[in-house]
Amino acid sequence: MDILLSALIILSSILLILAVYIQNPKGGGISSDFGSPSQLGGVQKSNEFIDKLTWSLAGIIVVSSILITIRQPKPPKPIEQKAPKTEQNGNQQAPADGKTKTPAGGQ
């Protein structure tokens, strides 16, 4: 499924590049190349078709990208390793003989 979605994204990207190159940023586009609208019927709608194609291809890329992201497996949760506890509740345990040990330096 991921390979199919990836191929769809690649194909849509290539077609989107071509659709953007076909469009004329000043509004001429394909319809101006074929002459006036009165000479060829339906050519004026070519700009509308290219605009719809551009937005549709962009939408396909976005939706496919989201689907691929959702389908990715989640990483496993790290297992907590418990270290052996030498202290209980944060307090030091007193020696069994009842004597307290002082650290080096007498403090």
Protein backbone atom coordinates (compact mmCIF):
# COMPACT_ATOMS: atom_id res chain seq x y z
CA MET A 1 0.00 0.00 0.00
CA ASP A 2 2.84 2.39 0.84
CA ILE A 3 4.50 1.69 -2.51
CA LEU A 4 1.24 2.49 -4.30
CA LEU A 5 0.82 5.76 -2.40
CA SER A 6 4.45 6.69 -3.02
CA ALA A 7 4.06 6.04 -6.74
CA LEU A 8 0.88 8.15 -6.73
CA ILE A 9 2.74 11.03 -5.07
CA ILE A 10 5.59 10.85 -7.60
CA LEU A 11 3.21 10.72 -10.58
CA SER A 12 1.10 13.57 -9.18
CA SER A 13 4.22 15.65 -8.58
CA ILE A 14 5.40 15.23 -12.16
CA LEU A 15 1.96 16.09 -13.53
CA LEU A 16 1.73 19.09 -11.20
CA ILE A 17 5.05 20.42 -12.49
CA LEU A 18 3.78 20.09 -16.07
CA ALA A 19 0.46 21.75 -15.22
CA VAL A 20 2.23 24.70 -13.61
CA TYR A 21 4.52 25.10 -16.64
CA ILE A 22 1.51 25.14 -18.97
CA GLN A 23 -0.14 27.99 -17.08
CA ASN A 24 0.69 31.55 -18.03
CA PRO A 25 1.08 33.77 -14.96
CA LYS A 26 -0.34 36.78 -16.84
CA GLY A 27 -3.60 35.05 -17.66
CA GLY A 28 -2.89 34.00 -21.26
CA GLY A 29 -2.21 30.30 -20.85
CA ILE A 30 -3.34 27.71 -23.34
CA SER A 31 -6.51 29.50 -24.41
CA SER A 32 -4.54 32.43 -25.86
CA ASP A 33 -2.40 30.04 -27.91
CA PHE A 34 -5.39 28.71 -29.85
CA GLY A 35 -6.83 32.05 -30.90
CA SER A 36 -9.98 33.84 -29.87
CA PRO A 37 -12.79 31.96 -28.12
CA SER A 38 -15.12 32.59 -31.05
CA GLN A 39 -12.91 30.60 -33.42
CA LEU A 40 -12.56 27.45 -31.32
CA GLY A 41 -15.40 26.46 -29.03
CA GLY A 42 -14.45 25.32 -25.55
CA VAL A 43 -10.83 26.48 -25.60
CA GLN A 44 -11.57 29.24 -23.11
CA LYS A 45 -12.36 26.61 -20.51
CA SER A 46 -8.87 25.17 -20.79
CA ASN A 47 -7.58 27.60 -18.14
CA GLU A 48 -10.34 26.48 -15.77
CA PHE A 49 -9.42 22.85 -16.43
CA ILE A 50 -5.72 23.49 -15.78
CA ASP A 51 -6.57 25.36 -12.56
CA LYS A 52 -8.78 22.50 -11.34
CA LEU A 53 -6.11 19.98 -12.35
CA THR A 54 -3.46 21.91 -10.42
CA TRP A 55 -5.53 22.04 -7.22
CA SER A 56 -6.61 18.40 -7.59
CA LEU A 57 -3.03 17.18 -8.00
CA ALA A 58 -1.92 19.24 -5.00
CA GLY A 59 -4.77 17.75 -2.96
CA ILE A 60 -3.82 14.22 -4.00
CA ILE A 61 -0.24 14.83 -2.88
CA VAL A 62 -1.34 16.22 0.51
CA VAL A 63 -3.84 13.42 1.23
CA SER A 64 -1.43 10.69 0.13
CA SER A 65 1.34 12.14 2.28
CA ILE A 66 -0.94 12.21 5.32
CA LEU A 67 -2.04 8.61 4.69
CA ILE A 68 1.56 7.41 4.44
CA THR A 69 2.42 9.22 7.66
CA ILE A 70 -0.54 7.69 9.52
CA ARG A 71 0.35 4.19 8.32
CA GLN A 72 3.93 4.36 9.65
CA PRO A 73 4.51 1.94 12.55
CA LYS A 74 4.85 3.53 15.93
CA PRO A 75 8.25 3.12 17.64
CA PRO A 76 8.24 0.71 20.60
CA LYS A 77 8.15 2.25 24.04
CA PRO A 78 11.47 2.04 25.87
CA ILE A 79 11.60 -0.55 28.63
CA GLU A 80 12.47 0.95 31.98
CA GLN A 81 15.36 -0.84 33.61
CA LYS A 82 15.16 -0.83 37.36
CA ALA A 83 18.48 -0.33 39.08
CA PRO A 84 19.01 -2.12 42.39
CA LYS A 85 18.05 0.19 45.22
CA THR A 86 20.58 0.75 47.97
CA GLU A 87 18.50 3.38 49.68
CA GLN A 88 14.89 3.20 50.73
CA ASN A 89 12.69 6.27 50.43
CA GLY A 90 15.72 8.50 49.93
CA ASN A 91 17.08 7.90 53.47
CA GLN A 92 20.41 6.28 54.17
CA GLN A 93 20.29 3.08 56.12
CA ALA A 94 22.08 2.99 59.44
CA PRO A 95 24.84 0.39 59.85
CA ALA A 96 23.86 -2.80 61.61
CA ASP A 97 26.31 -2.25 64.50
CA GLY A 98 24.72 1.09 65.43
CA LYS A 99 27.81 3.19 64.70
CA THR A 100 27.65 5.99 62.20
CA LYS A 101 30.34 6.41 59.63
CA THR A 102 31.79 9.83 58.99
CA PRO A 103 33.07 10.81 55.58
CA ALA A 104 36.77 11.40 55.00
CA GLY A 105 37.80 14.82 56.24
CA GLY A 106 35.72 14.60 59.41
CA GLN A 107 32.60 16.30 58.13
